[in-house]
Amino acid sequence: MAVSWAEVSLAPHGPLVARLIGTSHGRGRILPQPDAASLATPSDPAEVNERVAALFGSGEWPELMAATSTTYGVWGCAYLEALLRAADCQVSKEGS
């Protein structure tokens, strides 16, 4: 997600897209807060490490989660997360 942040942040519903990407990959829950060091490696580009540090080291991720919950509602976000998960499972099942 940190890799695509520049593109995602410009999308019409960028924060929601970022939330869905993050939660679908299992690292996007607020608690327990992921350790930023475990999400990027020194061999990753500097911009990726900086973005990960901002999202998970400086508190941007909890702010993004709270903002999207306020904008779309907790049930709306949960529905979209479940829908994305179901679609991902279906595509994986089909081998695509």
PDB file of N, CA and C in Angstrom:
ATOM      1  N   MET A   1       0.821  -1.172   0.000  1.00  0.00           N
ATOM      2  CA  MET A   1       0.000   0.000   0.000  1.00  0.00           C
ATOM      3  C   MET A   1       0.873   1.246   0.000  1.00  0.00           C
ATOM      4  N   ALA A   2       1.953   1.214   0.751  1.00  0.00           N
ATOM      5  CA  ALA A   2       2.839   2.371   0.779  1.00  0.00           C
ATOM      6  C   ALA A   2       3.418   2.649  -0.598  1.00  0.00           C
ATOM      7  N   VAL A   3       3.628   1.605  -1.379  1.00  0.00           N
ATOM      8  CA  VAL A   3       4.188   1.760  -2.720  1.00  0.00           C
ATOM      9  C   VAL A   3       3.246   2.541  -3.615  1.00  0.00           C
ATOM     10  N   SER A   4       1.960   2.305  -3.499  1.00  0.00           N
ATOM     11  CA  SER A   4       0.986   2.934  -4.390  1.00  0.00           C
ATOM     12  C   SER A   4       0.338   4.179  -3.793  1.00  0.00           C
ATOM     13  N   TRP A   5       0.829   4.663  -2.660  1.00  0.00           N
ATOM     14  CA  TRP A   5       0.184   5.771  -1.965  1.00  0.00           C
ATOM     15  C   TRP A   5       0.030   7.000  -2.845  1.00  0.00           C
ATOM     16  N   ALA A   6       1.026   7.316  -3.650  1.00  0.00           N
ATOM     17  CA  ALA A   6       0.947   8.519  -4.488  1.00  0.00           C
ATOM     18  C   ALA A   6      -0.263   8.461  -5.413  1.00  0.00           C
ATOM     19  N   GLU A   7      -0.524   7.300  -5.998  1.00  0.00           N
ATOM     20  CA  GLU A   7      -1.671   7.152  -6.889  1.00  0.00           C
ATOM     21  C   GLU A   7      -2.978   7.059  -6.103  1.00  0.00           C
ATOM     22  N   VAL A   8      -2.963   6.286  -5.035  1.00  0.00           N
ATOM     23  CA  VAL A   8      -4.176   6.077  -4.237  1.00  0.00           C
ATOM     24  C   VAL A   8      -4.647   7.383  -3.618  1.00  0.00           C
ATOM     25  N   SER A   9      -3.728   8.182  -3.126  1.00  0.00           N
ATOM     26  CA  SER A   9      -4.116   9.415  -2.444  1.00  0.00           C
ATOM     27  C   SER A   9      -4.803  10.405  -3.378  1.00  0.00           C
ATOM     28  N   LEU A  10      -4.602  10.256  -4.680  1.00  0.00           N
ATOM     29  CA  LEU A  10      -5.229  11.151  -5.654  1.00  0.00           C
ATOM     30  C   LEU A  10      -6.582  10.644  -6.139  1.00  0.00           C
ATOM     31  N   ALA A  11      -6.932   9.418  -5.803  1.00  0.00           N
ATOM     32  CA  ALA A  11      -8.201   8.834  -6.243  1.00  0.00           C
ATOM     33  C   ALA A  11      -9.371   9.569  -5.589  1.00  0.00           C
ATOM     34  N   PRO A  12     -10.546   9.573  -6.241  1.00  0.00           N
ATOM     35  CA  PRO A  12     -11.704  10.269  -5.673  1.00  0.00           C
ATOM     36  C   PRO A  12     -12.046   9.830  -4.244  1.00  0.00           C
ATOM     37  N   HIS A  13     -11.899   8.567  -3.948  1.00  0.00           N
ATOM     38  CA  HIS A  13     -12.151   8.044  -2.602  1.00  0.00           C
ATOM     39  C   HIS A  13     -10.856   7.448  -2.063  1.00  0.00           C
ATOM     40  N   GLY A  14      -9.765   8.183  -2.222  1.00  0.00           N
ATOM     41  CA  GLY A  14      -8.431   7.704  -1.877  1.00  0.00           C
ATOM     42  C   GLY A  14      -8.291   7.098  -0.492  1.00  0.00           C
ATOM     43  N   PRO A  15      -8.752   7.781   0.557  1.00  0.00           N
ATOM     44  CA  PRO A  15      -8.624   7.187   1.889  1.00  0.00           C
ATOM     45  C   PRO A  15      -9.363   5.857   2.021  1.00  0.00           C
ATOM     46  N   LEU A  16     -10.531   5.754   1.404  1.00  0.00           N
ATOM     47  CA  LEU A  16     -11.272   4.490   1.451  1.00  0.00           C
ATOM     48  C   LEU A  16     -10.521   3.404   0.686  1.00  0.00           C
ATOM     49  N   VAL A  17      -9.981   3.749  -0.479  1.00  0.00           N
ATOM     50  CA  VAL A  17      -9.202   2.786  -1.257  1.00  0.00           C
ATOM     51  C   VAL A  17      -7.993   2.321  -0.443  1.00  0.00           C
ATOM     52  N   ALA A  18      -7.308   3.257   0.201  1.00  0.00           N
ATOM     53  CA  ALA A  18      -6.154   2.905   1.035  1.00  0.00           C
ATOM     54  C   ALA A  18      -6.570   1.973   2.166  1.00  0.00           C
ATOM     55  N   ARG A  19      -7.687   2.267   2.801  1.00  0.00           N
ATOM     56  CA  ARG A  19      -8.181   1.416   3.891  1.00  0.00           C
ATOM     57  C   ARG A  19      -8.455   0.005   3.377  1.00  0.00           C
ATOM     58  N   LEU A  20      -9.126  -0.100   2.235  1.00  0.00           N
ATOM     59  CA  LEU A  20      -9.463  -1.413   1.696  1.00  0.00           C
ATOM     60  C   LEU A  20      -8.211  -2.196   1.307  1.00  0.00           C
ATOM     61  N   ILE A  21      -7.227  -1.527   0.740  1.00  0.00           N
ATOM     62  CA  ILE A  21      -5.969  -2.198   0.409  1.00  0.00           C
ATOM     63  C   ILE A  21      -5.291  -2.684   1.685  1.00  0.00           C
ATOM     64  N   GLY A  22      -5.199  -1.812   2.661  1.00  0.00           N
ATOM     65  CA  GLY A  22      -4.519  -2.161   3.910  1.00  0.00           C
ATOM     66  C   GLY A  22      -5.194  -3.279   4.672  1.00  0.00           C
ATOM     67  N   THR A  23      -6.507  -3.209   4.796  1.00  0.00           N
ATOM     68  CA  THR A  23      -7.204  -4.239   5.565  1.00  0.00           C
ATOM     69  C   THR A  23      -7.258  -5.557   4.815  1.00  0.00           C
ATOM     70  N   SER A  24      -7.267  -5.521   3.490  1.00  0.00           N
ATOM     71  CA  SER A  24      -7.324  -6.779   2.740  1.00  0.00           C
ATOM     72  C   SER A  24      -6.008  -7.541   2.817  1.00  0.00           C
ATOM     73  N   HIS A  25      -4.933  -6.862   3.138  1.00  0.00           N
ATOM     74  CA  HIS A  25      -3.641  -7.529   3.251  1.00  0.00           C
ATOM     75  C   HIS A  25      -3.274  -7.855   4.692  1.00  0.00           C
ATOM     76  N   GLY A  26      -4.223  -7.703   5.596  1.00  0.00           N
ATOM     77  CA  GLY A  26      -4.040  -8.166   6.960  1.00  0.00           C
ATOM     78  C   GLY A  26      -3.200  -7.307   7.871  1.00  0.00           C
ATOM     79  N   ARG A  27      -2.772  -6.160   7.431  1.00  0.00           N
ATOM     80  CA  ARG A  27      -1.940  -5.301   8.273  1.00  0.00           C
ATOM     81  C   ARG A  27      -2.631  -3.991   8.619  1.00  0.00           C
ATOM     82  N   GLY A  28      -3.892  -3.884   8.292  1.00  0.00           N
ATOM     83  CA  GLY A  28      -4.549  -2.596   8.415  1.00  0.00           C
ATOM     84  C   GLY A  28      -5.408  -2.379   9.635  1.00  0.00           C
ATOM     85  N   ARG A  29      -5.454  -3.311  10.538  1.00  0.00           N
ATOM     86  CA  ARG A  29      -6.262  -3.109  11.741  1.00  0.00           C
ATOM     87  C   ARG A  29      -5.566  -2.120  12.667  1.00  0.00           C
ATOM     88  N   ILE A  30      -6.355  -1.369  13.392  1.00  0.00           N
ATOM     89  CA  ILE A  30      -5.786  -0.356  14.282  1.00  0.00           C
ATOM     90  C   ILE A  30      -5.082  -1.009  15.466  1.00  0.00           C
ATOM     91  N   LEU A  31      -5.669  -2.029  16.029  1.00  0.00           N
ATOM     92  CA  LEU A  31      -5.080  -2.717  17.186  1.00  0.00           C
ATOM     93  C   LEU A  31      -4.876  -4.179  16.858  1.00  0.00           C
ATOM     94  N   PRO A  32      -3.775  -4.783  17.121  1.00  0.00           N
ATOM     95  CA  PRO A  32      -2.561  -4.098  17.553  1.00  0.00           C
ATOM     96  C   PRO A  32      -1.936  -3.343  16.381  1.00  0.00           C
ATOM     97  N   GLN A  33      -1.347  -2.231  16.688  1.00  0.00           N
ATOM     98  CA  GLN A  33      -0.731  -1.397  15.658  1.00  0.00           C
ATOM     99  C   GLN A  33       0.492  -2.112  15.093  1.00  0.00           C
ATOM    100  N   PRO A  34       0.550  -2.293  13.766  1.00  0.00           N
ATOM    101  CA  PRO A  34       1.726  -2.954  13.185  1.00  0.00           C
ATOM    102  C   PRO A  34       3.001  -2.166  13.471  1.00  0.00           C
ATOM    103  N   ASP A  35       4.084  -2.877  13.647  1.00  0.00           N
ATOM    104  CA  ASP A  35       5.388  -2.255  13.815  1.00  0.00           C
ATOM    105  C   ASP A  35       5.874  -1.830  12.432  1.00  0.00           C
ATOM    106  N   ALA A  36       6.125  -0.552  12.267  1.00  0.00           N
ATOM    107  CA  ALA A  36       6.529  -0.034  10.959  1.00  0.00           C
ATOM    108  C   ALA A  36       7.758  -0.758  10.424  1.00  0.00           C
ATOM    109  N   ALA A  37       8.662  -1.150  11.309  1.00  0.00           N
ATOM    110  CA  ALA A  37       9.888  -1.823  10.875  1.00  0.00           C
ATOM    111  C   ALA A  37       9.598  -3.182  10.247  1.00  0.00           C
ATOM    112  N   SER A  38       8.480  -3.798  10.615  1.00  0.00           N
ATOM    113  CA  SER A  38       8.156  -5.113  10.058  1.00  0.00           C
ATOM    114  C   SER A  38       7.456  -5.021   8.703  1.00  0.00           C
ATOM    115  N   LEU A  39       7.096  -3.822   8.287  1.00  0.00           N
ATOM    116  CA  LEU A  39       6.345  -3.646   7.048  1.00  0.00           C
ATOM    117  C   LEU A  39       7.206  -3.233   5.861  1.00  0.00           C
ATOM    118  N   ALA A  40       8.424  -2.836   6.126  1.00  0.00           N
ATOM    119  CA  ALA A  40       9.340  -2.444   5.054  1.00  0.00           C
ATOM    120  C   ALA A  40      10.745  -2.891   5.443  1.00  0.00           C
ATOM    121  N   THR A  41      11.579  -3.045   4.448  1.00  0.00           N
ATOM    122  CA  THR A  41      12.952  -3.475   4.693  1.00  0.00           C
ATOM    123  C   THR A  41      13.918  -2.403   4.206  1.00  0.00           C
ATOM    124  N   PRO A  42      15.148  -2.437   4.683  1.00  0.00           N
ATOM    125  CA  PRO A  42      16.129  -1.459   4.206  1.00  0.00           C
ATOM    126  C   PRO A  42      16.348  -1.516   2.696  1.00  0.00           C
ATOM    127  N   SER A  43      16.061  -2.664   2.085  1.00  0.00           N
ATOM    128  CA  SER A  43      16.250  -2.765   0.632  1.00  0.00           C
ATOM    129  C   SER A  43      15.099  -2.141  -0.161  1.00  0.00           C
ATOM    130  N   ASP A  44      13.990  -1.809   0.521  1.00  0.00           N
ATOM    131  CA  ASP A  44      12.895  -1.114  -0.154  1.00  0.00           C
ATOM    132  C   ASP A  44      13.327   0.314  -0.474  1.00  0.00           C
ATOM    133  N   PRO A  45      12.734   0.917  -1.500  1.00  0.00           N
ATOM    134  CA  PRO A  45      13.072   2.308  -1.815  1.00  0.00           C
ATOM    135  C   PRO A  45      12.815   3.228  -0.617  1.00  0.00           C
ATOM    136  N   ALA A  46      13.579   4.288  -0.529  1.00  0.00           N
ATOM    137  CA  ALA A  46      13.458   5.226   0.588  1.00  0.00           C
ATOM    138  C   ALA A  46      12.040   5.765   0.718  1.00  0.00           C
ATOM    139  N   GLU A  47      11.374   6.032  -0.416  1.00  0.00           N
ATOM    140  CA  GLU A  47      10.010   6.575  -0.359  1.00  0.00           C
ATOM    141  C   GLU A  47       9.043   5.590   0.292  1.00  0.00           C
ATOM    142  N   VAL A  48       9.259   4.291   0.091  1.00  0.00           N
ATOM    143  CA  VAL A  48       8.401   3.281   0.722  1.00  0.00           C
ATOM    144  C   VAL A  48       8.625   3.293   2.229  1.00  0.00           C
ATOM    145  N   ASN A  49       9.879   3.305   2.655  1.00  0.00           N
ATOM    146  CA  ASN A  49      10.178   3.341   4.083  1.00  0.00           C
ATOM    147  C   ASN A  49       9.633   4.603   4.739  1.00  0.00           C
ATOM    148  N   GLU A  50       9.730   5.733   4.059  1.00  0.00           N
ATOM    149  CA  GLU A  50       9.197   6.987   4.597  1.00  0.00           C
ATOM    150  C   GLU A  50       7.681   6.931   4.721  1.00  0.00           C
ATOM    151  N   ARG A  51       7.013   6.370   3.720  1.00  0.00           N
ATOM    152  CA  ARG A  51       5.546   6.279   3.743  1.00  0.00           C
ATOM    153  C   ARG A  51       5.073   5.336   4.837  1.00  0.00           C
ATOM    154  N   VAL A  52       5.750   4.197   4.976  1.00  0.00           N
ATOM    155  CA  VAL A  52       5.404   3.246   6.036  1.00  0.00           C
ATOM    156  C   VAL A  52       5.595   3.895   7.399  1.00  0.00           C
ATOM    157  N   ALA A  53       6.705   4.614   7.576  1.00  0.00           N
ATOM    158  CA  ALA A  53       6.951   5.291   8.853  1.00  0.00           C
ATOM    159  C   ALA A  53       5.867   6.319   9.151  1.00  0.00           C
ATOM    160  N   ALA A  54       5.419   7.038   8.132  1.00  0.00           N
ATOM    161  CA  ALA A  54       4.360   8.033   8.343  1.00  0.00           C
ATOM    162  C   ALA A  54       3.030   7.369   8.674  1.00  0.00           C
ATOM    163  N   LEU A  55       2.693   6.321   7.940  1.00  0.00           N
ATOM    164  CA  LEU A  55       1.411   5.648   8.166  1.00  0.00           C
ATOM    165  C   LEU A  55       1.361   4.950   9.513  1.00  0.00           C
ATOM    166  N   PHE A  56       2.409   4.188   9.831  1.00  0.00           N
ATOM    167  CA  PHE A  56       2.347   3.332  11.008  1.00  0.00           C
ATOM    168  C   PHE A  56       3.234   3.786  12.155  1.00  0.00           C
ATOM    169  N   GLY A  57       4.116   4.733  11.925  1.00  0.00           N
ATOM    170  CA  GLY A  57       4.966   5.240  12.994  1.00  0.00           C
ATOM    171  C   GLY A  57       4.492   6.575  13.533  1.00  0.00           C
ATOM    172  N   SER A  58       3.876   7.370  12.673  1.00  0.00           N
ATOM    173  CA  SER A  58       3.438   8.714  13.066  1.00  0.00           C
ATOM    174  C   SER A  58       1.942   8.819  13.301  1.00  0.00           C
ATOM    175  N   GLY A  59       1.224   7.726  13.151  1.00  0.00           N
ATOM    176  CA  GLY A  59      -0.198   7.738  13.466  1.00  0.00           C
ATOM    177  C   GLY A  59      -1.146   8.097  12.347  1.00  0.00           C
ATOM    178  N   GLU A  60      -0.665   8.166  11.114  1.00  0.00           N
ATOM    179  CA  GLU A  60      -1.571   8.489  10.010  1.00  0.00           C
ATOM    180  C   GLU A  60      -2.604   7.391   9.769  1.00  0.00           C
ATOM    181  N   TRP A  61      -2.206   6.126   9.975  1.00  0.00           N
ATOM    182  CA  TRP A  61      -3.136   5.033   9.696  1.00  0.00           C
ATOM    183  C   TRP A  61      -4.355   5.070  10.611  1.00  0.00           C
ATOM    184  N   PRO A  62      -4.196   5.200  11.930  1.00  0.00           N
ATOM    185  CA  PRO A  62      -5.392   5.298  12.783  1.00  0.00           C
ATOM    186  C   PRO A  62      -6.277   6.493  12.413  1.00  0.00           C
ATOM    187  N   GLU A  63      -5.657   7.595  12.013  1.00  0.00           N
ATOM    188  CA  GLU A  63      -6.430   8.764  11.583  1.00  0.00           C
ATOM    189  C   GLU A  63      -7.224   8.447  10.315  1.00  0.00           C
ATOM    190  N   LEU A  64      -6.593   7.758   9.371  1.00  0.00           N
ATOM    191  CA  LEU A  64      -7.271   7.375   8.134  1.00  0.00           C
ATOM    192  C   LEU A  64      -8.430   6.424   8.435  1.00  0.00           C
ATOM    193  N   MET A  65      -8.211   5.460   9.321  1.00  0.00           N
ATOM    194  CA  MET A  65      -9.270   4.514   9.691  1.00  0.00           C
ATOM    195  C   MET A  65     -10.442   5.244  10.347  1.00  0.00           C
ATOM    196  N   ALA A  66     -10.141   6.175  11.238  1.00  0.00           N
ATOM    197  CA  ALA A  66     -11.201   6.930  11.908  1.00  0.00           C
ATOM    198  C   ALA A  66     -11.962   7.806  10.916  1.00  0.00           C
ATOM    199  N   ALA A  67     -11.235   8.458  10.025  1.00  0.00           N
ATOM    200  CA  ALA A  67     -11.879   9.342   9.047  1.00  0.00           C
ATOM    201  C   ALA A  67     -12.789   8.565   8.102  1.00  0.00           C
ATOM    202  N   THR A  68     -12.339   7.404   7.633  1.00  0.00           N
ATOM    203  CA  THR A  68     -13.185   6.628   6.726  1.00  0.00           C
ATOM    204  C   THR A  68     -14.383   6.040   7.458  1.00  0.00           C
ATOM    205  N   SER A  69     -14.209   5.681   8.717  1.00  0.00           N
ATOM    206  CA  SER A  69     -15.353   5.192   9.498  1.00  0.00           C
ATOM    207  C   SER A  69     -16.385   6.294   9.683  1.00  0.00           C
ATOM    208  N   THR A  70     -15.921   7.513   9.873  1.00  0.00           N
ATOM    209  CA  THR A  70     -16.832   8.646  10.028  1.00  0.00           C
ATOM    210  C   THR A  70     -17.537   8.955   8.708  1.00  0.00           C
ATOM    211  N   THR A  71     -16.792   8.954   7.618  1.00  0.00           N
ATOM    212  CA  THR A  71     -17.352   9.301   6.311  1.00  0.00           C
ATOM    213  C   THR A  71     -18.296   8.236   5.767  1.00  0.00           C
ATOM    214  N   TYR A  72     -17.880   6.984   5.826  1.00  0.00           N
ATOM    215  CA  TYR A  72     -18.641   5.898   5.199  1.00  0.00           C
ATOM    216  C   TYR A  72     -19.424   5.052   6.197  1.00  0.00           C
ATOM    217  N   GLY A  73     -19.205   5.286   7.477  1.00  0.00           N
ATOM    218  CA  GLY A  73     -19.854   4.499   8.524  1.00  0.00           C
ATOM    219  C   GLY A  73     -19.094   3.204   8.778  1.00  0.00           C
ATOM    220  N   VAL A  74     -19.115   2.752  10.026  1.00  0.00           N
ATOM    221  CA  VAL A  74     -18.370   1.532  10.336  1.00  0.00           C
ATOM    222  C   VAL A  74     -18.950   0.334   9.599  1.00  0.00           C
ATOM    223  N   TRP A  75     -20.278   0.288   9.473  1.00  0.00           N
ATOM    224  CA  TRP A  75     -20.900  -0.839   8.772  1.00  0.00           C
ATOM    225  C   TRP A  75     -20.668  -0.750   7.270  1.00  0.00           C
ATOM    226  N   GLY A  76     -20.639   0.451   6.733  1.00  0.00           N
ATOM    227  CA  GLY A  76     -20.334   0.615   5.313  1.00  0.00           C
ATOM    228  C   GLY A  76     -18.919   0.149   5.004  1.00  0.00           C
ATOM    229  N   CYS A  77     -17.975   0.519   5.857  1.00  0.00           N
ATOM    230  CA  CYS A  77     -16.586   0.075   5.668  1.00  0.00           C
ATOM    231  C   CYS A  77     -16.471  -1.436   5.830  1.00  0.00           C
ATOM    232  N   ALA A  78     -17.148  -1.978   6.839  1.00  0.00           N
ATOM    233  CA  ALA A  78     -17.109  -3.429   7.058  1.00  0.00           C
ATOM    234  C   ALA A  78     -17.686  -4.168   5.853  1.00  0.00           C
ATOM    235  N   TYR A  79     -18.764  -3.650   5.301  1.00  0.00           N
ATOM    236  CA  TYR A  79     -19.380  -4.266   4.121  1.00  0.00           C
ATOM    237  C   TYR A  79     -18.407  -4.263   2.941  1.00  0.00           C
ATOM    238  N   LEU A  80     -17.780  -3.122   2.693  1.00  0.00           N
ATOM    239  CA  LEU A  80     -16.849  -3.032   1.569  1.00  0.00           C
ATOM    240  C   LEU A  80     -15.626  -3.925   1.780  1.00  0.00           C
ATOM    241  N   GLU A  81     -15.139  -4.012   3.017  1.00  0.00           N
ATOM    242  CA  GLU A  81     -14.019  -4.905   3.311  1.00  0.00           C
ATOM    243  C   GLU A  81     -14.414  -6.355   3.044  1.00  0.00           C
ATOM    244  N   ALA A  82     -15.619  -6.739   3.476  1.00  0.00           N
ATOM    245  CA  ALA A  82     -16.095  -8.111   3.262  1.00  0.00           C
ATOM    246  C   ALA A  82     -16.304  -8.395   1.777  1.00  0.00           C
ATOM    247  N   LEU A  83     -16.829  -7.427   1.057  1.00  0.00           N
ATOM    248  CA  LEU A  83     -17.047  -7.588  -0.381  1.00  0.00           C
ATOM    249  C   LEU A  83     -15.721  -7.789  -1.111  1.00  0.00           C
ATOM    250  N   LEU A  84     -14.731  -6.993  -0.760  1.00  0.00           N
ATOM    251  CA  LEU A  84     -13.411  -7.134  -1.372  1.00  0.00           C
ATOM    252  C   LEU A  84     -12.800  -8.486  -1.023  1.00  0.00           C
ATOM    253  N   ARG A  85     -12.943  -8.902   0.212  1.00  0.00           N
ATOM    254  CA  ARG A  85     -12.417 -10.206   0.648  1.00  0.00           C
ATOM    255  C   ARG A  85     -13.084 -11.344  -0.129  1.00  0.00           C
ATOM    256  N   ALA A  86     -14.400 -11.269  -0.284  1.00  0.00           N
ATOM    257  CA  ALA A  86     -15.125 -12.305  -1.029  1.00  0.00           C
ATOM    258  C   ALA A  86     -14.679 -12.342  -2.490  1.00  0.00           C
ATOM    259  N   ALA A  87     -14.502 -11.179  -3.086  1.00  0.00           N
ATOM    260  CA  ALA A  87     -14.048 -11.120  -4.479  1.00  0.00           C
ATOM    261  C   ALA A  87     -12.642 -11.692  -4.611  1.00  0.00           C
ATOM    262  N   ASP A  88     -11.772 -11.364  -3.676  1.00  0.00           N
ATOM    263  CA  ASP A  88     -10.408 -11.879  -3.689  1.00  0.00           C
ATOM    264  C   ASP A  88     -10.397 -13.401  -3.560  1.00  0.00           C
ATOM    265  N   CYS A  89     -11.218 -13.929  -2.661  1.00  0.00           N
ATOM    266  CA  CYS A  89     -11.317 -15.389  -2.488  1.00  0.00           C
ATOM    267  C   CYS A  89     -11.826 -16.055  -3.762  1.00  0.00           C
ATOM    268  N   GLN A  90     -12.804 -15.441  -4.398  1.00  0.00           N
ATOM    269  CA  GLN A  90     -13.367 -16.013  -5.628  1.00  0.00           C
ATOM    270  C   GLN A  90     -12.328 -16.048  -6.743  1.00  0.00           C
ATOM    271  N   VAL A  91     -11.610 -14.960  -6.903  1.00  0.00           N
ATOM    272  CA  VAL A  91     -10.579 -14.902  -7.945  1.00  0.00           C
ATOM    273  C   VAL A  91      -9.480 -15.925  -7.653  1.00  0.00           C
ATOM    274  N   SER A  92      -9.092 -16.046  -6.390  1.00  0.00           N
ATOM    275  CA  SER A  92      -8.072 -17.035  -6.022  1.00  0.00           C
ATOM    276  C   SER A  92      -8.562 -18.450  -6.294  1.00  0.00           C
ATOM    277  N   LYS A  93      -9.825 -18.695  -5.992  1.00  0.00           N
ATOM    278  CA  LYS A  93     -10.418 -20.017  -6.218  1.00  0.00           C
ATOM    279  C   LYS A  93     -10.413 -20.369  -7.705  1.00  0.00           C
ATOM    280  N   GLU A  94     -10.678 -19.380  -8.540  1.00  0.00           N
ATOM    281  CA  GLU A  94     -10.714 -19.596  -9.988  1.00  0.00           C
ATOM    282  C   GLU A  94      -9.317 -19.705 -10.591  1.00  0.00           C
ATOM    283  N   GLY A  95      -8.318 -19.314  -9.819  1.00  0.00           N
ATOM    284  CA  GLY A  95      -6.948 -19.391 -10.314  1.00  0.00           C
ATOM    285  C   GLY A  95      -6.542 -18.240 -11.197  1.00  0.00           C
ATOM    286  N   SER A  96      -7.248 -17.141 -11.114  1.00  0.00           N
ATOM    287  CA  SER A  96      -6.926 -15.975 -11.940  1.00  0.00           C
ATOM    288  C   SER A  96      -5.957 -15.065 -11.241  1.00  0.00           C
TER     289      SER A  96
END
